[in-house]
Amino acid sequence: RVRLVESGGGSVQAGGSLRLSCAASEYTASCLGWFRQAPGKEREGVARICHDSGYTFYSDSVEGRFTISQDNVKKATYLQMNSLTQQDTAVYYCAEIYGGTWSPVYNTWGQGTQVAVSS
């Protein structure tokens, strides 16, 4: 089964930046998404990318501030997060997804990486 490991989270002040990384043991799906879950809220998709086409899509809440990118040789996907706000505070996860959707291929999640934005 695919193993995905998230890293790069941390604490940052509002307006700051962080770069998250997702390392995959292999790719079994055509696309990968970044998701986040804030305390007391449902998990939501924030950015996704398809490996072959490089097609990207963002949720409205991060459009223009976050950038998803990939290195297919390293099987790594990145999420550059700029202009962070306290509303971005959450645990961030990556997951293989069905193309054009936020639906994970596998119903399992890694440990994620915590992002905490302070005022």
N, C-alpha and C. Protein backbone atom coordinates (compact mmCIF):
# COMPACT_ATOMS: atom_id res chain seq x y z
N ARG A 1 0.85 -1.18 0.00
CA ARG A 1 0.00 0.00 0.00
C ARG A 1 0.89 1.23 0.00
N VAL A 2 0.41 2.30 -0.59
CA VAL A 2 1.18 3.52 -0.68
C VAL A 2 1.40 4.09 0.72
N ARG A 3 2.62 4.55 0.95
CA ARG A 3 2.92 5.21 2.22
C ARG A 3 3.22 6.66 1.92
N LEU A 4 2.50 7.55 2.58
CA LEU A 4 2.68 8.98 2.41
C LEU A 4 3.10 9.58 3.75
N VAL A 5 4.13 10.40 3.74
CA VAL A 5 4.62 11.01 4.96
C VAL A 5 4.65 12.52 4.77
N GLU A 6 3.91 13.21 5.64
CA GLU A 6 3.86 14.67 5.59
C GLU A 6 4.90 15.26 6.54
N SER A 7 5.44 16.40 6.15
CA SER A 7 6.39 17.10 7.01
C SER A 7 6.39 18.59 6.67
N GLY A 8 7.05 19.36 7.52
CA GLY A 8 7.22 20.78 7.23
C GLY A 8 6.34 21.71 8.03
N GLY A 9 5.44 21.17 8.81
CA GLY A 9 4.57 22.03 9.60
C GLY A 9 5.35 22.73 10.71
N GLY A 10 4.66 23.62 11.40
CA GLY A 10 5.28 24.34 12.49
C GLY A 10 4.41 25.49 12.94
N SER A 11 4.99 26.34 13.75
CA SER A 11 4.29 27.53 14.25
C SER A 11 4.81 28.76 13.54
N VAL A 12 3.92 29.63 13.14
CA VAL A 12 4.30 30.82 12.39
C VAL A 12 3.33 31.93 12.74
N GLN A 13 3.80 33.14 12.62
CA GLN A 13 2.91 34.28 12.86
C GLN A 13 2.07 34.56 11.61
N ALA A 14 0.94 35.17 11.83
CA ALA A 14 0.08 35.55 10.72
C ALA A 14 0.86 36.38 9.71
N GLY A 15 0.64 36.06 8.44
CA GLY A 15 1.37 36.72 7.37
C GLY A 15 2.61 35.97 6.94
N GLY A 16 2.98 34.98 7.71
CA GLY A 16 4.17 34.21 7.41
C GLY A 16 3.93 33.12 6.40
N SER A 17 4.97 32.31 6.18
CA SER A 17 4.93 31.25 5.17
C SER A 17 5.47 29.95 5.74
N LEU A 18 5.01 28.87 5.16
CA LEU A 18 5.53 27.53 5.44
C LEU A 18 5.48 26.72 4.16
N ARG A 19 6.36 25.74 4.08
CA ARG A 19 6.36 24.83 2.93
C ARG A 19 6.23 23.42 3.46
N LEU A 20 5.13 22.77 3.09
CA LEU A 20 4.90 21.39 3.49
C LEU A 20 5.39 20.45 2.40
N SER A 21 5.79 19.26 2.84
CA SER A 21 6.24 18.23 1.91
C SER A 21 5.46 16.95 2.15
N CYS A 22 5.22 16.22 1.07
CA CYS A 22 4.57 14.92 1.13
C CYS A 22 5.44 13.95 0.35
N ALA A 23 6.02 12.99 1.06
CA ALA A 23 6.89 12.00 0.42
C ALA A 23 6.10 10.71 0.24
N ALA A 24 6.08 10.20 -1.00
CA ALA A 24 5.32 8.99 -1.31
C ALA A 24 6.26 7.83 -1.60
N SER A 25 5.89 6.64 -1.14
CA SER A 25 6.68 5.45 -1.45
C SER A 25 6.51 5.09 -2.93
N GLU A 26 5.35 5.40 -3.47
CA GLU A 26 5.05 5.18 -4.88
C GLU A 26 3.76 5.93 -5.18
N TYR A 27 3.47 6.05 -6.47
CA TYR A 27 2.19 6.62 -6.88
C TYR A 27 1.35 5.49 -7.48
N THR A 28 0.14 5.38 -6.99
CA THR A 28 -0.78 4.40 -7.56
C THR A 28 -2.01 5.09 -8.17
N ALA A 29 -2.11 6.37 -7.96
CA ALA A 29 -3.22 7.15 -8.51
C ALA A 29 -2.66 8.29 -9.36
N SER A 30 -3.53 8.89 -10.14
CA SER A 30 -3.08 9.92 -11.06
C SER A 30 -2.90 11.28 -10.41
N CYS A 31 -3.51 11.48 -9.26
CA CYS A 31 -3.48 12.79 -8.62
C CYS A 31 -3.26 12.67 -7.12
N LEU A 32 -2.82 13.75 -6.53
CA LEU A 32 -2.60 13.80 -5.09
C LEU A 32 -3.15 15.12 -4.55
N GLY A 33 -3.72 15.04 -3.39
CA GLY A 33 -4.30 16.25 -2.79
C GLY A 33 -3.75 16.54 -1.42
N TRP A 34 -3.77 17.80 -1.08
CA TRP A 34 -3.49 18.25 0.29
C TRP A 34 -4.82 18.58 0.96
N PHE A 35 -4.96 18.10 2.16
CA PHE A 35 -6.16 18.31 2.94
C PHE A 35 -5.77 18.91 4.29
N ARG A 36 -6.75 19.46 4.99
CA ARG A 36 -6.47 19.94 6.34
C ARG A 36 -7.70 19.73 7.21
N GLN A 37 -7.43 19.58 8.49
CA GLN A 37 -8.52 19.43 9.46
C GLN A 37 -8.22 20.28 10.67
N ALA A 38 -9.07 21.26 10.89
CA ALA A 38 -8.95 22.13 12.06
C ALA A 38 -9.75 21.51 13.20
N PRO A 39 -9.41 21.86 14.44
CA PRO A 39 -10.14 21.32 15.59
C PRO A 39 -11.64 21.57 15.48
N GLY A 40 -12.42 20.51 15.64
CA GLY A 40 -13.86 20.64 15.61
C GLY A 40 -14.46 20.79 14.23
N LYS A 41 -13.64 20.69 13.21
CA LYS A 41 -14.14 20.85 11.83
C LYS A 41 -13.86 19.60 11.02
N GLU A 42 -14.58 19.46 9.93
CA GLU A 42 -14.36 18.33 9.03
C GLU A 42 -13.10 18.56 8.20
N ARG A 43 -12.53 17.48 7.76
CA ARG A 43 -11.38 17.57 6.87
C ARG A 43 -11.81 18.16 5.54
N GLU A 44 -11.00 19.06 5.00
CA GLU A 44 -11.32 19.69 3.72
C GLU A 44 -10.12 19.65 2.78
N GLY A 45 -10.42 19.54 1.50
CA GLY A 45 -9.35 19.58 0.50
C GLY A 45 -8.97 21.02 0.23
N VAL A 46 -7.66 21.28 0.10
CA VAL A 46 -7.21 22.64 -0.16
C VAL A 46 -6.47 22.78 -1.49
N ALA A 47 -5.77 21.75 -1.92
CA ALA A 47 -5.05 21.84 -3.18
C ALA A 47 -4.82 20.44 -3.74
N ARG A 48 -4.83 20.32 -5.03
CA ARG A 48 -4.58 19.01 -5.64
C ARG A 48 -3.81 19.21 -6.93
N ILE A 49 -3.08 18.15 -7.30
CA ILE A 49 -2.26 18.18 -8.50
C ILE A 49 -2.27 16.80 -9.15
N CYS A 50 -2.26 16.77 -10.46
CA CYS A 50 -2.20 15.51 -11.19
C CYS A 50 -0.79 15.34 -11.74
N HIS A 51 -0.27 14.14 -11.56
CA HIS A 51 1.16 13.93 -11.78
C HIS A 51 1.59 14.12 -13.23
N ASP A 52 0.85 13.58 -14.16
CA ASP A 52 1.27 13.64 -15.55
C ASP A 52 1.01 15.00 -16.19
N SER A 53 -0.13 15.56 -15.95
CA SER A 53 -0.50 16.82 -16.59
C SER A 53 0.01 18.04 -15.84
N GLY A 54 0.25 17.88 -14.54
CA GLY A 54 0.61 19.03 -13.71
C GLY A 54 -0.57 19.93 -13.39
N TYR A 55 -1.75 19.48 -13.75
CA TYR A 55 -2.96 20.28 -13.50
C TYR A 55 -3.14 20.48 -12.00
N THR A 56 -3.45 21.71 -11.62
CA THR A 56 -3.65 22.02 -10.21
C THR A 56 -5.02 22.64 -9.98
N PHE A 57 -5.50 22.48 -8.77
CA PHE A 57 -6.78 23.06 -8.39
C PHE A 57 -6.71 23.42 -6.92
N TYR A 58 -7.34 24.56 -6.58
CA TYR A 58 -7.30 25.04 -5.20
C TYR A 58 -8.70 25.33 -4.68
N SER A 59 -8.87 25.17 -3.39
CA SER A 59 -10.12 25.60 -2.78
C SER A 59 -10.13 27.13 -2.73
N ASP A 60 -11.31 27.67 -2.62
CA ASP A 60 -11.45 29.13 -2.59
C ASP A 60 -10.70 29.73 -1.41
N SER A 61 -10.64 28.99 -0.32
CA SER A 61 -10.05 29.53 0.90
C SER A 61 -8.53 29.73 0.80
N VAL A 62 -7.88 29.07 -0.15
CA VAL A 62 -6.42 29.20 -0.25
C VAL A 62 -5.97 29.71 -1.61
N GLU A 63 -6.88 29.83 -2.55
CA GLU A 63 -6.54 30.29 -3.90
C GLU A 63 -5.77 31.62 -3.82
N GLY A 64 -4.64 31.66 -4.51
CA GLY A 64 -3.83 32.88 -4.53
C GLY A 64 -2.81 32.97 -3.42
N ARG A 65 -2.92 32.12 -2.41
CA ARG A 65 -1.97 32.13 -1.29
C ARG A 65 -1.13 30.86 -1.22
N PHE A 66 -1.72 29.75 -1.60
CA PHE A 66 -1.04 28.46 -1.55
C PHE A 66 -0.68 28.03 -2.97
N THR A 67 0.44 27.32 -3.08
CA THR A 67 0.87 26.76 -4.36
C THR A 67 1.28 25.32 -4.17
N ILE A 68 0.68 24.44 -4.95
CA ILE A 68 1.05 23.02 -4.91
C ILE A 68 2.00 22.74 -6.06
N SER A 69 3.01 21.93 -5.79
CA SER A 69 3.97 21.56 -6.83
C SER A 69 4.44 20.14 -6.57
N GLN A 70 5.22 19.61 -7.50
CA GLN A 70 5.63 18.22 -7.35
C GLN A 70 6.98 17.99 -7.98
N ASP A 71 7.62 16.95 -7.52
CA ASP A 71 8.84 16.43 -8.13
C ASP A 71 8.58 14.95 -8.36
N ASN A 72 8.23 14.60 -9.56
CA ASN A 72 7.83 13.21 -9.83
C ASN A 72 9.00 12.24 -9.74
N VAL A 73 10.18 12.71 -9.92
CA VAL A 73 11.35 11.83 -9.78
C VAL A 73 11.51 11.44 -8.32
N LYS A 74 11.36 12.41 -7.43
CA LYS A 74 11.49 12.14 -6.00
C LYS A 74 10.18 11.60 -5.41
N LYS A 75 9.11 11.63 -6.19
CA LYS A 75 7.78 11.28 -5.69
C LYS A 75 7.44 12.13 -4.46
N ALA A 76 7.64 13.41 -4.62
CA ALA A 76 7.37 14.37 -3.56
C ALA A 76 6.40 15.43 -4.07
N THR A 77 5.52 15.83 -3.20
CA THR A 77 4.59 16.91 -3.50
C THR A 77 4.73 17.95 -2.42
N TYR A 78 4.65 19.21 -2.81
CA TYR A 78 4.89 20.31 -1.89
C TYR A 78 3.68 21.23 -1.83
N LEU A 79 3.53 21.89 -0.72
CA LEU A 79 2.50 22.90 -0.57
C LEU A 79 3.15 24.15 0.02
N GLN A 80 3.37 25.14 -0.82
CA GLN A 80 3.91 26.41 -0.36
C GLN A 80 2.74 27.26 0.13
N MET A 81 2.80 27.66 1.37
CA MET A 81 1.70 28.41 1.97
C MET A 81 2.21 29.80 2.35
N ASN A 82 1.64 30.81 1.75
CA ASN A 82 2.01 32.20 2.02
C ASN A 82 0.84 32.95 2.62
N SER A 83 1.14 34.09 3.19
CA SER A 83 0.10 34.96 3.77
C SER A 83 -0.82 34.17 4.70
N LEU A 84 -0.21 33.40 5.57
CA LEU A 84 -0.99 32.54 6.46
C LEU A 84 -1.81 33.36 7.45
N THR A 85 -2.99 32.84 7.75
CA THR A 85 -3.87 33.44 8.74
C THR A 85 -4.19 32.40 9.81
N GLN A 86 -4.79 32.85 10.89
CA GLN A 86 -5.14 31.92 11.96
C GLN A 86 -6.14 30.87 11.46
N GLN A 87 -6.91 31.21 10.44
CA GLN A 87 -7.87 30.25 9.88
C GLN A 87 -7.18 29.10 9.17
N ASP A 88 -5.89 29.22 8.91
CA ASP A 88 -5.14 28.14 8.27
C ASP A 88 -4.61 27.14 9.29
N THR A 89 -4.79 27.42 10.57
CA THR A 89 -4.34 26.51 11.61
C THR A 89 -5.09 25.18 11.51
N ALA A 90 -4.35 24.10 11.37
CA ALA A 90 -4.96 22.78 11.17
C ALA A 90 -3.85 21.74 11.08
N VAL A 91 -4.26 20.48 11.09
CA VAL A 91 -3.35 19.40 10.73
C VAL A 91 -3.51 19.17 9.23
N TYR A 92 -2.40 19.15 8.53
CA TYR A 92 -2.41 19.01 7.07
C TYR A 92 -2.00 17.59 6.69
N TYR A 93 -2.74 17.04 5.74
CA TYR A 93 -2.52 15.67 5.27
C TYR A 93 -2.39 15.67 3.74
N CYS A 94 -1.70 14.69 3.23
CA CYS A 94 -1.73 14.46 1.80
C CYS A 94 -2.33 13.08 1.56
N ALA A 95 -2.92 12.92 0.39
CA ALA A 95 -3.57 11.66 0.05
C ALA A 95 -3.69 11.53 -1.45
N GLU A 96 -3.60 10.31 -1.92
CA GLU A 96 -3.87 10.05 -3.32
C GLU A 96 -5.37 10.17 -3.54
N ILE A 97 -5.74 10.80 -4.64
CA ILE A 97 -7.15 11.07 -4.90
C ILE A 97 -7.53 10.67 -6.32
N TYR A 98 -8.82 10.50 -6.52
CA TYR A 98 -9.34 10.28 -7.86
C TYR A 98 -9.29 11.61 -8.61
N GLY A 99 -8.85 11.55 -9.86
CA GLY A 99 -8.68 12.76 -10.65
C GLY A 99 -9.93 13.61 -10.73
N GLY A 100 -9.76 14.90 -10.56
CA GLY A 100 -10.88 15.83 -10.68
C GLY A 100 -11.79 15.87 -9.48
N THR A 101 -11.42 15.21 -8.42
CA THR A 101 -12.26 15.17 -7.21
C THR A 101 -11.40 15.38 -5.97
N TRP A 102 -12.07 15.47 -4.84
CA TRP A 102 -11.39 15.47 -3.55
C TRP A 102 -11.48 14.10 -2.89
N SER A 103 -11.91 13.09 -3.61
CA SER A 103 -12.14 11.77 -3.02
C SER A 103 -10.85 10.97 -2.90
N PRO A 104 -10.47 10.60 -1.68
CA PRO A 104 -9.26 9.80 -1.50
C PRO A 104 -9.44 8.40 -2.09
N VAL A 105 -8.36 7.89 -2.65
CA VAL A 105 -8.39 6.53 -3.18
C VAL A 105 -8.43 5.53 -2.03
N TYR A 106 -7.68 5.82 -0.98
CA TYR A 106 -7.60 4.93 0.18
C TYR A 106 -8.21 5.65 1.39
N ASN A 107 -8.95 4.91 2.16
CA ASN A 107 -9.62 5.51 3.32
C ASN A 107 -8.74 5.43 4.56
N THR A 108 -7.47 5.78 4.38
CA THR A 108 -6.55 5.83 5.51
C THR A 108 -5.76 7.12 5.42
N TRP A 109 -5.38 7.63 6.57
CA TRP A 109 -4.66 8.89 6.64
C TRP A 109 -3.41 8.73 7.49
N GLY A 110 -2.39 9.45 7.11
CA GLY A 110 -1.16 9.45 7.89
C GLY A 110 -1.30 10.32 9.12
N GLN A 111 -0.17 10.61 9.73
CA GLN A 111 -0.19 11.42 10.96
C GLN A 111 -0.39 12.89 10.67
N GLY A 112 -0.11 13.28 9.46
CA GLY A 112 -0.24 14.68 9.10
C GLY A 112 0.86 15.54 9.69
N THR A 113 0.80 16.81 9.41
CA THR A 113 1.76 17.75 9.96
C THR A 113 1.00 18.98 10.46
N GLN A 114 1.29 19.38 11.67
CA GLN A 114 0.54 20.45 12.33
C GLN A 114 1.03 21.83 11.87
N VAL A 115 0.09 22.68 11.52
CA VAL A 115 0.38 24.07 11.22
C VAL A 115 -0.38 24.94 12.21
N ALA A 116 0.34 25.79 12.91
CA ALA A 116 -0.27 26.68 13.89
C ALA A 116 0.10 28.11 13.55
N VAL A 117 -0.91 28.93 13.31
CA VAL A 117 -0.68 30.33 12.95
C VAL A 117 -1.18 31.22 14.08
N SER A 118 -0.30 32.04 14.59
CA SER A 118 -0.66 32.92 15.71
C SER A 118 -0.78 34.36 15.23
N SER A 119 -1.50 35.13 16.00
CA SER A 119 -1.71 36.53 15.60
C SER A 119 -0.53 37.39 15.97
